[in-house]
PDB file of N, CA and C in Angstrom:
ATOM      1  N   ASN A   1       0.809  -1.197   0.000  1.00  0.00           N
ATOM      2  CA  ASN A   1       0.000   0.000   0.000  1.00  0.00           C
ATOM      3  C   ASN A   1       0.849   1.257   0.000  1.00  0.00           C
ATOM      4  N   VAL A   2       1.835   1.297  -0.840  1.00  0.00           N
ATOM      5  CA  VAL A   2       2.707   2.464  -0.941  1.00  0.00           C
ATOM      6  C   VAL A   2       1.906   3.623  -1.525  1.00  0.00           C
ATOM      7  N   LYS A   3       1.956   4.752  -0.845  1.00  0.00           N
ATOM      8  CA  LYS A   3       1.232   5.947  -1.297  1.00  0.00           C
ATOM      9  C   LYS A   3       2.131   6.916  -2.044  1.00  0.00           C
ATOM     10  N   ALA A   4       3.422   6.961  -1.646  1.00  0.00           N
ATOM     11  CA  ALA A   4       4.350   7.906  -2.265  1.00  0.00           C
ATOM     12  C   ALA A   4       5.779   7.405  -2.137  1.00  0.00           C
ATOM     13  N   VAL A   5       6.615   7.839  -3.085  1.00  0.00           N
ATOM     14  CA  VAL A   5       8.041   7.549  -3.070  1.00  0.00           C
ATOM     15  C   VAL A   5       8.758   8.863  -3.350  1.00  0.00           C
ATOM     16  N   LEU A   6       9.732   9.179  -2.489  1.00  0.00           N
ATOM     17  CA  LEU A   6      10.473  10.420  -2.640  1.00  0.00           C
ATOM     18  C   LEU A   6      11.970  10.148  -2.703  1.00  0.00           C
ATOM     19  N   VAL A   7      12.692  11.079  -3.317  1.00  0.00           N
ATOM     20  CA  VAL A   7      14.150  11.069  -3.297  1.00  0.00           C
ATOM     21  C   VAL A   7      14.595  12.327  -2.568  1.00  0.00           C
ATOM     22  N   ASN A   8      15.754  12.239  -1.912  1.00  0.00           N
ATOM     23  CA  ASN A   8      16.226  13.436  -1.230  1.00  0.00           C
ATOM     24  C   ASN A   8      17.742  13.479  -1.165  1.00  0.00           C
ATOM     25  N   CYS A   9      18.227  14.660  -0.767  1.00  0.00           N
ATOM     26  CA  CYS A   9      19.652  14.926  -0.540  1.00  0.00           C
ATOM     27  C   CYS A   9      20.498  14.585  -1.759  1.00  0.00           C
ATOM     28  N   CYS A  10      20.048  15.043  -2.915  1.00  0.00           N
ATOM     29  CA  CYS A  10      20.803  14.891  -4.156  1.00  0.00           C
ATOM     30  C   CYS A  10      20.664  16.213  -4.913  1.00  0.00           C
ATOM     31  N   SER A  11      21.394  16.373  -5.983  1.00  0.00           N
ATOM     32  CA  SER A  11      21.296  17.601  -6.765  1.00  0.00           C
ATOM     33  C   SER A  11      19.920  17.684  -7.429  1.00  0.00           C
ATOM     34  N   PRO A  12      19.469  18.880  -7.770  1.00  0.00           N
ATOM     35  CA  PRO A  12      18.190  19.004  -8.466  1.00  0.00           C
ATOM     36  C   PRO A  12      18.139  18.217  -9.781  1.00  0.00           C
ATOM     37  N   SER A  13      19.253  18.175 -10.516  1.00  0.00           N
ATOM     38  CA  SER A  13      19.250  17.421 -11.776  1.00  0.00           C
ATOM     39  C   SER A  13      19.209  15.915 -11.520  1.00  0.00           C
ATOM     40  N   ALA A  14      19.865  15.458 -10.452  1.00  0.00           N
ATOM     41  CA  ALA A  14      19.791  14.035 -10.093  1.00  0.00           C
ATOM     42  C   ALA A  14      18.375  13.690  -9.635  1.00  0.00           C
ATOM     43  N   ALA A  15      17.721  14.623  -8.950  1.00  0.00           N
ATOM     44  CA  ALA A  15      16.336  14.392  -8.515  1.00  0.00           C
ATOM     45  C   ALA A  15      15.425  14.194  -9.724  1.00  0.00           C
ATOM     46  N   LEU A  16      15.617  15.005 -10.760  1.00  0.00           N
ATOM     47  CA  LEU A  16      14.795  14.855 -11.965  1.00  0.00           C
ATOM     48  C   LEU A  16      15.008  13.483 -12.596  1.00  0.00           C
ATOM     49  N   ALA A  17      16.255  13.069 -12.724  1.00  0.00           N
ATOM     50  CA  ALA A  17      16.543  11.746 -13.304  1.00  0.00           C
ATOM     51  C   ALA A  17      15.909  10.644 -12.470  1.00  0.00           C
ATOM     52  N   ALA A  18      16.004  10.760 -11.151  1.00  0.00           N
ATOM     53  CA  ALA A  18      15.413   9.743 -10.268  1.00  0.00           C
ATOM     54  C   ALA A  18      13.902   9.729 -10.384  1.00  0.00           C
ATOM     55  N   LEU A  19      13.285  10.900 -10.425  1.00  0.00           N
ATOM     56  CA  LEU A  19      11.821  10.966 -10.552  1.00  0.00           C
ATOM     57  C   LEU A  19      11.351  10.329 -11.853  1.00  0.00           C
ATOM     58  N   ARG A  20      12.067  10.579 -12.923  1.00  0.00           N
ATOM     59  CA  ARG A  20      11.691   9.973 -14.211  1.00  0.00           C
ATOM     60  C   ARG A  20      11.776   8.450 -14.139  1.00  0.00           C
ATOM     61  N   THR A  21      12.805   7.935 -13.504  1.00  0.00           N
ATOM     62  CA  THR A  21      12.951   6.484 -13.355  1.00  0.00           C
ATOM     63  C   THR A  21      11.857   5.923 -12.469  1.00  0.00           C
ATOM     64  N   LEU A  22      11.631   6.552 -11.340  1.00  0.00           N
ATOM     65  CA  LEU A  22      10.593   6.084 -10.415  1.00  0.00           C
ATOM     66  C   LEU A  22       9.216   6.105 -11.070  1.00  0.00           C
ATOM     67  N   ASP A  23       8.954   7.137 -11.855  1.00  0.00           N
ATOM     68  CA  ASP A  23       7.659   7.267 -12.523  1.00  0.00           C
ATOM     69  C   ASP A  23       7.404   6.087 -13.461  1.00  0.00           C
ATOM     70  N   ARG A  24       8.454   5.610 -14.108  1.00  0.00           N
ATOM     71  CA  ARG A  24       8.314   4.461 -15.024  1.00  0.00           C
ATOM     72  C   ARG A  24       8.115   3.153 -14.264  1.00  0.00           C
ATOM     73  N   CYS A  25       8.639   3.077 -13.042  1.00  0.00           N
ATOM     74  CA  CYS A  25       8.648   1.824 -12.288  1.00  0.00           C
ATOM     75  C   CYS A  25       7.513   1.681 -11.273  1.00  0.00           C
ATOM     76  N   ALA A  26       6.970   2.779 -10.829  1.00  0.00           N
ATOM     77  CA  ALA A  26       5.996   2.740  -9.731  1.00  0.00           C
ATOM     78  C   ALA A  26       4.629   2.269 -10.204  1.00  0.00           C
ATOM     79  N   ALA A  27       3.897   1.715  -9.288  1.00  0.00           N
ATOM     80  CA  ALA A  27       2.522   1.300  -9.577  1.00  0.00           C
ATOM     81  C   ALA A  27       1.658   2.534  -9.838  1.00  0.00           C
ATOM     82  N   PRO A  28       0.609   2.388 -10.621  1.00  0.00           N
ATOM     83  CA  PRO A  28      -0.290   3.521 -10.874  1.00  0.00           C
ATOM     84  C   PRO A  28      -0.831   4.081  -9.563  1.00  0.00           C
ATOM     85  N   GLY A  29      -0.925   5.396  -9.506  1.00  0.00           N
ATOM     86  CA  GLY A  29      -1.475   6.057  -8.337  1.00  0.00           C
ATOM     87  C   GLY A  29      -0.471   6.401  -7.247  1.00  0.00           C
ATOM     88  N   VAL A  30       0.756   5.896  -7.371  1.00  0.00           N
ATOM     89  CA  VAL A  30       1.789   6.223  -6.382  1.00  0.00           C
ATOM     90  C   VAL A  30       2.338   7.608  -6.712  1.00  0.00           C
ATOM     91  N   ARG A  31       2.294   8.503  -5.728  1.00  0.00           N
ATOM     92  CA  ARG A  31       2.796   9.858  -5.917  1.00  0.00           C
ATOM     93  C   ARG A  31       4.318   9.869  -5.786  1.00  0.00           C
ATOM     94  N   MET A  32       4.939  10.811  -6.467  1.00  0.00           N
ATOM     95  CA  MET A  32       6.396  10.965  -6.438  1.00  0.00           C
ATOM     96  C   MET A  32       6.742  12.335  -5.881  1.00  0.00           C
ATOM     97  N   GLY A  33       7.957  12.448  -5.393  1.00  0.00           N
ATOM     98  CA  GLY A  33       8.414  13.736  -4.916  1.00  0.00           C
ATOM     99  C   GLY A  33       9.911  13.772  -4.727  1.00  0.00           C
ATOM    100  N   ALA A  34      10.416  14.981  -4.491  1.00  0.00           N
ATOM    101  CA  ALA A  34      11.855  15.154  -4.292  1.00  0.00           C
ATOM    102  C   ALA A  34      12.127  16.305  -3.336  1.00  0.00           C
ATOM    103  N   TYR A  35      13.161  16.124  -2.566  1.00  0.00           N
ATOM    104  CA  TYR A  35      13.707  17.142  -1.666  1.00  0.00           C
ATOM    105  C   TYR A  35      15.197  17.213  -1.990  1.00  0.00           C
ATOM    106  N   ALA A  36      15.557  17.976  -3.014  1.00  0.00           N
ATOM    107  CA  ALA A  36      16.959  18.064  -3.435  1.00  0.00           C
ATOM    108  C   ALA A  36      17.745  18.990  -2.516  1.00  0.00           C
ATOM    109  N   ASN A  37      19.054  18.854  -2.582  1.00  0.00           N
ATOM    110  CA  ASN A  37      19.880  19.778  -1.811  1.00  0.00           C
ATOM    111  C   ASN A  37      20.270  20.969  -2.682  1.00  0.00           C
ATOM    112  N   GLY A  38      20.920  21.925  -2.078  1.00  0.00           N
ATOM    113  CA  GLY A  38      21.244  23.157  -2.781  1.00  0.00           C
ATOM    114  C   GLY A  38      22.716  23.373  -3.034  1.00  0.00           C
ATOM    115  N   PHE A  39      23.522  22.321  -3.030  1.00  0.00           N
ATOM    116  CA  PHE A  39      24.963  22.452  -3.186  1.00  0.00           C
ATOM    117  C   PHE A  39      25.385  22.375  -4.649  1.00  0.00           C
ATOM    118  N   LYS A  40      26.334  23.204  -5.010  1.00  0.00           N
ATOM    119  CA  LYS A  40      26.882  23.172  -6.365  1.00  0.00           C
ATOM    120  C   LYS A  40      27.691  21.897  -6.586  1.00  0.00           C
ATOM    121  N   VAL A  41      28.288  21.393  -5.537  1.00  0.00           N
ATOM    122  CA  VAL A  41      29.082  20.161  -5.605  1.00  0.00           C
ATOM    123  C   VAL A  41      28.313  19.073  -4.866  1.00  0.00           C
ATOM    124  N   THR A  42      28.842  17.873  -4.870  1.00  0.00           N
ATOM    125  CA  THR A  42      28.150  16.791  -4.174  1.00  0.00           C
ATOM    126  C   THR A  42      28.147  17.042  -2.671  1.00  0.00           C
ATOM    127  N   THR A  43      27.213  16.433  -1.979  1.00  0.00           N
ATOM    128  CA  THR A  43      27.113  16.603  -0.531  1.00  0.00           C
ATOM    129  C   THR A  43      28.409  16.194   0.157  1.00  0.00           C
ATOM    130  N   SER A  44      28.999  15.096  -0.257  1.00  0.00           N
ATOM    131  CA  SER A  44      30.251  14.626   0.350  1.00  0.00           C
ATOM    132  C   SER A  44      31.354  15.658   0.179  1.00  0.00           C
ATOM    133  N   GLU A  45      31.451  16.239  -1.012  1.00  0.00           N
ATOM    134  CA  GLU A  45      32.463  17.267  -1.247  1.00  0.00           C
ATOM    135  C   GLU A  45      32.202  18.496  -0.381  1.00  0.00           C
ATOM    136  N   TRP A  46      30.931  18.899  -0.291  1.00  0.00           N
ATOM    137  CA  TRP A  46      30.562  20.064   0.507  1.00  0.00           C
ATOM    138  C   TRP A  46      30.952  19.850   1.972  1.00  0.00           C
ATOM    139  N   MET A  47      30.613  18.701   2.517  1.00  0.00           N
ATOM    140  CA  MET A  47      30.876  18.415   3.927  1.00  0.00           C
ATOM    141  C   MET A  47      32.369  18.311   4.220  1.00  0.00           C
ATOM    142  N   SER A  48      33.145  17.807   3.273  1.00  0.00           N
ATOM    143  CA  SER A  48      34.578  17.620   3.494  1.00  0.00           C
ATOM    144  C   SER A  48      35.391  18.867   3.182  1.00  0.00           C
ATOM    145  N   GLY A  49      34.785  19.804   2.468  1.00  0.00           N
ATOM    146  CA  GLY A  49      35.517  20.994   2.061  1.00  0.00           C
ATOM    147  C   GLY A  49      36.385  20.769   0.843  1.00  0.00           C
ATOM    148  N   ARG A  50      36.271  19.599   0.220  1.00  0.00           N
ATOM    149  CA  ARG A  50      37.073  19.255  -0.963  1.00  0.00           C
ATOM    150  C   ARG A  50      36.315  19.596  -2.231  1.00  0.00           C
ATOM    151  N   THR A  51      35.956  20.842  -2.419  1.00  0.00           N
ATOM    152  CA  THR A  51      35.090  21.216  -3.535  1.00  0.00           C
ATOM    153  C   THR A  51      35.784  21.181  -4.889  1.00  0.00           C
ATOM    154  N   GLY A  52      37.096  21.009  -4.930  1.00  0.00           N
ATOM    155  CA  GLY A  52      37.792  20.929  -6.203  1.00  0.00           C
ATOM    156  C   GLY A  52      37.876  19.514  -6.742  1.00  0.00           C
ATOM    157  N   VAL A  53      37.516  18.532  -5.950  1.00  0.00           N
ATOM    158  CA  VAL A  53      37.619  17.134  -6.348  1.00  0.00           C
ATOM    159  C   VAL A  53      36.387  16.748  -7.158  1.00  0.00           C
ATOM    160  N   VAL A  54      36.599  16.243  -8.352  1.00  0.00           N
ATOM    161  CA  VAL A  54      35.485  15.832  -9.203  1.00  0.00           C
ATOM    162  C   VAL A  54      35.750  14.415  -9.680  1.00  0.00           C
ATOM    163  N   VAL A  55      34.959  13.457  -9.189  1.00  0.00           N
ATOM    164  CA  VAL A  55      35.120  12.062  -9.590  1.00  0.00           C
ATOM    165  C   VAL A  55      33.762  11.453  -9.894  1.00  0.00           C
ATOM    166  N   GLY A  56      33.752  10.451 -10.736  1.00  0.00           N
ATOM    167  CA  GLY A  56      32.537   9.680 -11.007  1.00  0.00           C
ATOM    168  C   GLY A  56      31.340  10.533 -11.363  1.00  0.00           C
ATOM    169  N   ASN A  57      30.217  10.264 -10.692  1.00  0.00           N
ATOM    170  CA  ASN A  57      28.971  10.971 -10.971  1.00  0.00           C
ATOM    171  C   ASN A  57      29.050  12.449 -10.635  1.00  0.00           C
ATOM    172  N   ALA A  58      29.969  12.856  -9.778  1.00  0.00           N
ATOM    173  CA  ALA A  58      30.122  14.261  -9.433  1.00  0.00           C
ATOM    174  C   ALA A  58      30.448  15.078 -10.679  1.00  0.00           C
ATOM    175  N   ALA A  59      31.214  14.517 -11.595  1.00  0.00           N
ATOM    176  CA  ALA A  59      31.549  15.225 -12.824  1.00  0.00           C
ATOM    177  C   ALA A  59      30.293  15.489 -13.641  1.00  0.00           C
ATOM    178  N   LEU A  60      29.404  14.525 -13.708  1.00  0.00           N
ATOM    179  CA  LEU A  60      28.146  14.703 -14.429  1.00  0.00           C
ATOM    180  C   LEU A  60      27.313  15.800 -13.794  1.00  0.00           C
ATOM    181  N   VAL A  61      27.196  15.788 -12.474  1.00  0.00           N
ATOM    182  CA  VAL A  61      26.414  16.807 -11.763  1.00  0.00           C
ATOM    183  C   VAL A  61      26.991  18.188 -12.029  1.00  0.00           C
ATOM    184  N   GLN A  62      28.319  18.320 -11.951  1.00  0.00           N
ATOM    185  CA  GLN A  62      28.922  19.623 -12.168  1.00  0.00           C
ATOM    186  C   GLN A  62      28.717  20.106 -13.593  1.00  0.00           C
ATOM    187  N   ARG A  63      28.735  19.227 -14.574  1.00  0.00           N
ATOM    188  CA  ARG A  63      28.477  19.642 -15.957  1.00  0.00           C
ATOM    189  C   ARG A  63      27.044  20.134 -16.125  1.00  0.00           C
ATOM    190  N   GLN A  64      26.107  19.616 -15.339  1.00  0.00           N
ATOM    191  CA  GLN A  64      24.711  20.010 -15.457  1.00  0.00           C
ATOM    192  C   GLN A  64      24.409  21.297 -14.700  1.00  0.00           C
ATOM    193  N   ASN A  65      25.311  21.732 -13.834  1.00  0.00           N
ATOM    194  CA  ASN A  65      25.117  22.971 -13.092  1.00  0.00           C
ATOM    195  C   ASN A  65      25.388  24.172 -13.990  1.00  0.00           C
ATOM    196  N   ARG A  66      24.541  25.182 -13.849  1.00  0.00           N
ATOM    197  CA  ARG A  66      24.789  26.444 -14.527  1.00  0.00           C
ATOM    198  C   ARG A  66      25.411  27.381 -13.500  1.00  0.00           C
ATOM    199  N   GLU A  67      26.537  27.950 -13.837  1.00  0.00           N
ATOM    200  CA  GLU A  67      27.292  28.789 -12.900  1.00  0.00           C
ATOM    201  C   GLU A  67      26.417  29.869 -12.273  1.00  0.00           C
ATOM    202  N   GLU A  68      25.576  30.496 -13.064  1.00  0.00           N
ATOM    203  CA  GLU A  68      24.733  31.593 -12.565  1.00  0.00           C
ATOM    204  C   GLU A  68      23.631  31.119 -11.608  1.00  0.00           C
ATOM    205  N   ASP A  69      23.414  29.826 -11.514  1.00  0.00           N
ATOM    206  CA  ASP A  69      22.404  29.287 -10.595  1.00  0.00           C
ATOM    207  C   ASP A  69      22.878  29.279  -9.143  1.00  0.00           C
ATOM    208  N   TYR A  70      24.179  29.509  -8.917  1.00  0.00           N
ATOM    209  CA  TYR A  70      24.758  29.374  -7.586  1.00  0.00           C
ATOM    210  C   TYR A  70      25.401  30.669  -7.122  1.00  0.00           C
ATOM    211  N   ASP A  71      25.314  30.920  -5.819  1.00  0.00           N
ATOM    212  CA  ASP A  71      25.954  32.112  -5.255  1.00  0.00           C
ATOM    213  C   ASP A  71      27.435  31.838  -4.997  1.00  0.00           C
ATOM    214  N   SER A  72      28.136  32.821  -4.455  1.00  0.00           N
ATOM    215  CA  SER A  72      29.582  32.695  -4.250  1.00  0.00           C
ATOM    216  C   SER A  72      29.950  31.632  -3.215  1.00  0.00           C
ATOM    217  N   ASP A  73      28.986  31.215  -2.386  1.00  0.00           N
ATOM    218  CA  ASP A  73      29.224  30.144  -1.418  1.00  0.00           C
ATOM    219  C   ASP A  73      28.913  28.761  -1.982  1.00  0.00           C
ATOM    220  N   GLY A  74      28.487  28.702  -3.240  1.00  0.00           N
ATOM    221  CA  GLY A  74      28.173  27.419  -3.857  1.00  0.00           C
ATOM    222  C   GLY A  74      26.794  26.900  -3.526  1.00  0.00           C
ATOM    223  N   LEU A  75      25.895  27.787  -3.080  1.00  0.00           N
ATOM    224  CA  LEU A  75      24.509  27.399  -2.777  1.00  0.00           C
ATOM    225  C   LEU A  75      23.589  27.869  -3.898  1.00  0.00           C
ATOM    226  N   ILE A  76      22.627  27.047  -4.229  1.00  0.00           N
ATOM    227  CA  ILE A  76      21.714  27.367  -5.320  1.00  0.00           C
ATOM    228  C   ILE A  76      20.855  28.580  -4.966  1.00  0.00           C
ATOM    229  N   ARG A  77      20.633  29.415  -5.943  1.00  0.00           N
ATOM    230  CA  ARG A  77      19.786  30.597  -5.756  1.00  0.00           C
ATOM    231  C   ARG A  77      18.317  30.157  -5.726  1.00  0.00           C
ATOM    232  N   LYS A  78      17.502  30.924  -5.010  1.00  0.00           N
ATOM    233  CA  LYS A  78      16.079  30.569  -4.837  1.00  0.00           C
ATOM    234  C   LYS A  78      15.382  30.381  -6.174  1.00  0.00           C
ATOM    235  N   GLU A  79      15.585  31.315  -7.094  1.00  0.00           N
ATOM    236  CA  GLU A  79      14.897  31.251  -8.383  1.00  0.00           C
ATOM    237  C   GLU A  79      15.329  30.022  -9.193  1.00  0.00           C
ATOM    238  N   ALA A  80      16.608  29.681  -9.093  1.00  0.00           N
ATOM    239  CA  ALA A  80      17.115  28.515  -9.819  1.00  0.00           C
ATOM    240  C   ALA A  80      16.516  27.230  -9.258  1.00  0.00           C
ATOM    241  N   TYR A  81      16.423  27.142  -7.932  1.00  0.00           N
ATOM    242  CA  TYR A  81      15.830  25.946  -7.337  1.00  0.00           C
ATOM    243  C   TYR A  81      14.362  25.824  -7.747  1.00  0.00           C
ATOM    244  N   ALA A  82      13.662  26.939  -7.712  1.00  0.00           N
ATOM    245  CA  ALA A  82      12.246  26.933  -8.118  1.00  0.00           C
ATOM    246  C   ALA A  82      12.107  26.486  -9.575  1.00  0.00           C
ATOM    247  N   ARG A  83      13.034  26.899 -10.429  1.00  0.00           N
ATOM    248  CA  ARG A  83      12.991  26.485 -11.838  1.00  0.00           C
ATOM    249  C   ARG A  83      13.157  24.967 -11.949  1.00  0.00           C
ATOM    250  N   HIS A  84      14.075  24.405 -11.171  1.00  0.00           N
ATOM    251  CA  HIS A  84      14.255  22.947 -11.175  1.00  0.00           C
ATOM    252  C   HIS A  84      12.972  22.245 -10.722  1.00  0.00           C
ATOM    253  N   VAL A  85      12.361  22.738  -9.661  1.00  0.00           N
ATOM    254  CA  VAL A  85      11.133  22.116  -9.148  1.00  0.00           C
ATOM    255  C   VAL A  85      10.030  22.196 -10.195  1.00  0.00           C
ATOM    256  N   ARG A  86       9.904  23.321 -10.866  1.00  0.00           N
ATOM    257  CA  ARG A  86       8.892  23.421 -11.928  1.00  0.00           C
ATOM    258  C   ARG A  86       9.153  22.387 -13.015  1.00  0.00           C
ATOM    259  N   GLU A  87      10.429  22.139 -13.319  1.00  0.00           N
ATOM    260  CA  GLU A  87      10.760  21.118 -14.315  1.00  0.00           C
ATOM    261  C   GLU A  87      10.372  19.728 -13.831  1.00  0.00           C
ATOM    262  N   TRP A  88      10.619  19.439 -12.544  1.00  0.00           N
ATOM    263  CA  TRP A  88      10.185  18.141 -12.005  1.00  0.00           C
ATOM    264  C   TRP A  88       8.691  17.959 -12.206  1.00  0.00           C
ATOM    265  N   LEU A  89       7.940  18.985 -11.831  1.00  0.00           N
ATOM    266  CA  LEU A  89       6.475  18.885 -11.859  1.00  0.00           C
ATOM    267  C   LEU A  89       5.931  18.802 -13.283  1.00  0.00           C
ATOM    268  N   SER A  90       6.578  19.488 -14.213  1.00  0.00           N
ATOM    269  CA  SER A  90       6.079  19.451 -15.587  1.00  0.00           C
ATOM    270  C   SER A  90       6.553  18.214 -16.341  1.00  0.00           C
ATOM    271  N   SER A  91       7.679  17.636 -15.927  1.00  0.00           N
ATOM    272  CA  SER A  91       8.243  16.480 -16.632  1.00  0.00           C
ATOM    273  C   SER A  91       7.760  15.136 -16.120  1.00  0.00           C
ATOM    274  N   VAL A  92       7.340  15.090 -14.865  1.00  0.00           N
ATOM    275  CA  VAL A  92       6.967  13.822 -14.238  1.00  0.00           C
ATOM    276  C   VAL A  92       5.529  13.946 -13.726  1.00  0.00           C
ATOM    277  N   PRO A  93       4.566  13.364 -14.446  1.00  0.00           N
ATOM    278  CA  PRO A  93       3.159  13.526 -14.086  1.00  0.00           C
ATOM    279  C   PRO A  93       2.809  13.147 -12.643  1.00  0.00           C
ATOM    280  N   SER A  94       3.490  12.162 -12.092  1.00  0.00           N
ATOM    281  CA  SER A  94       3.164  11.724 -10.732  1.00  0.00           C
ATOM    282  C   SER A  94       3.875  12.536  -9.652  1.00  0.00           C
ATOM    283  N   ALA A  95       4.742  13.456 -10.046  1.00  0.00           N
ATOM    284  CA  ALA A  95       5.460  14.280  -9.064  1.00  0.00           C
ATOM    285  C   ALA A  95       4.521  15.347  -8.506  1.00  0.00           C
ATOM    286  N   SER A  96       4.331  15.317  -7.201  1.00  0.00           N
ATOM    287  CA  SER A  96       3.447  16.299  -6.574  1.00  0.00           C
ATOM    288  C   SER A  96       3.887  16.683  -5.166  1.00  0.00           C
ATOM    289  N   ILE A  97       4.971  16.085  -4.694  1.00  0.00           N
ATOM    290  CA  ILE A  97       5.475  16.383  -3.349  1.00  0.00           C
ATOM    291  C   ILE A  97       6.873  16.976  -3.521  1.00  0.00           C
ATOM    292  N   VAL A  98       7.039  18.224  -3.132  1.00  0.00           N
ATOM    293  CA  VAL A  98       8.327  18.883  -3.318  1.00  0.00           C
ATOM    294  C   VAL A  98       8.734  19.631  -2.052  1.00  0.00           C
ATOM    295  N   GLY A  99      10.018  19.799  -1.902  1.00  0.00           N
ATOM    296  CA  GLY A  99      10.559  20.533  -0.770  1.00  0.00           C
ATOM    297  C   GLY A  99      12.045  20.682  -0.972  1.00  0.00           C
ATOM    298  N   GLY A 100      12.784  20.723   0.123  1.00  0.00           N
ATOM    299  CA  GLY A 100      14.218  20.904   0.019  1.00  0.00           C
ATOM    300  C   GLY A 100      14.949  20.192   1.133  1.00  0.00           C
ATOM    301  N   CYS A 101      16.207  19.904   0.890  1.00  0.00           N
ATOM    302  CA  CYS A 101      17.070  19.232   1.859  1.00  0.00           C
ATOM    303  C   CYS A 101      18.211  20.186   2.208  1.00  0.00           C
ATOM    304  N   CYS A 102      19.367  19.657   2.460  1.00  0.00           N
ATOM    305  CA  CYS A 102      20.530  20.445   2.884  1.00  0.00           C
ATOM    306  C   CYS A 102      20.788  21.621   1.939  1.00  0.00           C
ATOM    307  N   GLY A 103      20.995  22.784   2.509  1.00  0.00           N
ATOM    308  CA  GLY A 103      21.305  23.968   1.717  1.00  0.00           C
ATOM    309  C   GLY A 103      20.089  24.692   1.167  1.00  0.00           C
ATOM    310  N   ILE A 104      18.904  24.130   1.362  1.00  0.00           N
ATOM    311  CA  ILE A 104      17.666  24.788   0.924  1.00  0.00           C
ATOM    312  C   ILE A 104      17.075  25.476   2.152  1.00  0.00           C
ATOM    313  N   SER A 105      16.853  26.772   2.036  1.00  0.00           N
ATOM    314  CA  SER A 105      16.421  27.579   3.176  1.00  0.00           C
ATOM    315  C   SER A 105      14.917  27.855   3.145  1.00  0.00           C
ATOM    316  N   ALA A 106      14.453  28.491   4.198  1.00  0.00           N
ATOM    317  CA  ALA A 106      13.056  28.932   4.249  1.00  0.00           C
ATOM    318  C   ALA A 106      12.761  29.873   3.080  1.00  0.00           C
ATOM    319  N   GLY A 107      13.749  30.644   2.665  1.00  0.00           N
ATOM    320  CA  GLY A 107      13.572  31.528   1.509  1.00  0.00           C
ATOM    321  C   GLY A 107      13.328  30.756   0.225  1.00  0.00           C
ATOM    322  N   HIS A 108      14.019  29.652   0.058  1.00  0.00           N
ATOM    323  CA  HIS A 108      13.791  28.795  -1.114  1.00  0.00           C
ATOM    324  C   HIS A 108      12.361  28.248  -1.096  1.00  0.00           C
ATOM    325  N   ILE A 109      11.933  27.783   0.070  1.00  0.00           N
ATOM    326  CA  ILE A 109      10.590  27.202   0.189  1.00  0.00           C
ATOM    327  C   ILE A 109       9.529  28.278  -0.038  1.00  0.00           C
ATOM    328  N   ALA A 110       9.763  29.489   0.455  1.00  0.00           N
ATOM    329  CA  ALA A 110       8.827  30.597   0.210  1.00  0.00           C
ATOM    330  C   ALA A 110       8.723  30.877  -1.283  1.00  0.00           C
ATOM    331  N   GLN A 111       9.857  30.847  -1.989  1.00  0.00           N
ATOM    332  CA  GLN A 111       9.849  31.050  -3.448  1.00  0.00           C
ATOM    333  C   GLN A 111       9.038  29.947  -4.117  1.00  0.00           C
ATOM    334  N   LEU A 112       9.230  28.697  -3.679  1.00  0.00           N
ATOM    335  CA  LEU A 112       8.454  27.581  -4.234  1.00  0.00           C
ATOM    336  C   LEU A 112       6.964  27.785  -4.003  1.00  0.00           C
ATOM    337  N   ALA A 113       6.602  28.147  -2.777  1.00  0.00           N
ATOM    338  CA  ALA A 113       5.184  28.345  -2.441  1.00  0.00           C
ATOM    339  C   ALA A 113       4.578  29.430  -3.317  1.00  0.00           C
ATOM    340  N   HIS A 114       5.306  30.513  -3.516  1.00  0.00           N
ATOM    341  CA  HIS A 114       4.820  31.602  -4.364  1.00  0.00           C
ATOM    342  C   HIS A 114       4.630  31.120  -5.805  1.00  0.00           C
ATOM    343  N   ASP A 115       5.665  30.465  -6.343  1.00  0.00           N
ATOM    344  CA  ASP A 115       5.595  29.989  -7.730  1.00  0.00           C
ATOM    345  C   ASP A 115       4.490  28.959  -7.928  1.00  0.00           C
ATOM    346  N   LEU A 116       4.349  28.043  -6.980  1.00  0.00           N
ATOM    347  CA  LEU A 116       3.332  27.002  -7.125  1.00  0.00           C
ATOM    348  C   LEU A 116       1.921  27.574  -6.977  1.00  0.00           C
ATOM    349  N   ALA A 117       1.744  28.555  -6.094  1.00  0.00           N
ATOM    350  CA  ALA A 117       0.437  29.208  -5.957  1.00  0.00           C
ATOM    351  C   ALA A 117       0.078  29.911  -7.263  1.00  0.00           C
ATOM    352  N   HIS A 118       1.055  30.561  -7.871  1.00  0.00           N
ATOM    353  CA  HIS A 118       0.831  31.232  -9.161  1.00  0.00           C
ATOM    354  C   HIS A 118       0.486  30.203 -10.240  1.00  0.00           C
ATOM    355  N   ARG A 119       1.168  29.076 -10.222  1.00  0.00           N
ATOM    356  CA  ARG A 119       0.927  28.008 -11.193  1.00  0.00           C
ATOM    357  C   ARG A 119      -0.498  27.446 -11.068  1.00  0.00           C
ATOM    358  N   VAL A 120      -0.939  27.237  -9.818  1.00  0.00           N
ATOM    359  CA  VAL A 120      -2.286  26.716  -9.563  1.00  0.00           C
ATOM    360  C   VAL A 120      -3.327  27.735 -10.004  1.00  0.00           C
ATOM    361  N   ALA A 121      -3.119  29.006  -9.695  1.00  0.00           N
ATOM    362  CA  ALA A 121      -4.070  30.057 -10.085  1.00  0.00           C
ATOM    363  C   ALA A 121      -4.167  30.157 -11.602  1.00  0.00           C
ATOM    364  N   LYS A 122      -3.018  30.046 -12.268  1.00  0.00           N
ATOM    365  CA  LYS A 122      -2.991  30.122 -13.731  1.00  0.00           C
ATOM    366  C   LYS A 122      -3.737  28.926 -14.337  1.00  0.00           C
ATOM    367  N   ALA A 123      -3.555  27.746 -13.770  1.00  0.00           N
ATOM    368  CA  ALA A 123      -4.236  26.542 -14.253  1.00  0.00           C
ATOM    369  C   ALA A 123      -5.741  26.654 -14.053  1.00  0.00           C
ATOM    370  N   ALA A 124      -6.169  27.283 -12.955  1.00  0.00           N
ATOM    371  CA  ALA A 124      -7.592  27.446 -12.672  1.00  0.00           C
ATOM    372  C   ALA A 124      -8.266  28.372 -13.663  1.00  0.00           C
ATOM    373  N   GLU A 125      -7.495  29.327 -14.188  1.00  0.00           N
ATOM    374  CA  GLU A 125      -8.031  30.260 -15.174  1.00  0.00           C
ATOM    375  C   GLU A 125      -8.273  29.590 -16.524  1.00  0.00           C
ATOM    376  N   SER A 126      -7.537  28.516 -16.797  1.00  0.00           N
ATOM    377  CA  SER A 126      -7.631  27.854 -18.109  1.00  0.00           C
ATOM    378  C   SER A 126      -8.908  27.082 -18.281  1.00  0.00           C
TER     379      SER A 126
END
């Protein structure tokens, strides 16, 4: 009786890839969601302070990052995170649970709430 499956503590682009995979594998009616982190580098690199080390999947994540999406501390900007979440929701029909993990602040969540409220209002007008 699984109601939902979520991924968390990964980059926004990794969350999208995971949601797409889960959407193909999950039983009908199971909701999907993601709580990505806000680090420009992998969580392990962020925690260790080794932000110059790029190995394995970290190289893929860094290639998918847009420099302007991150501030000087390597944290994702609110608008950039909201853009990723909108992509999750538009790309994965079963995705309906969103939030944030490490590096995502109350400001990021406020931006999401604003954007999603606008999205719902716009859909209601159609």
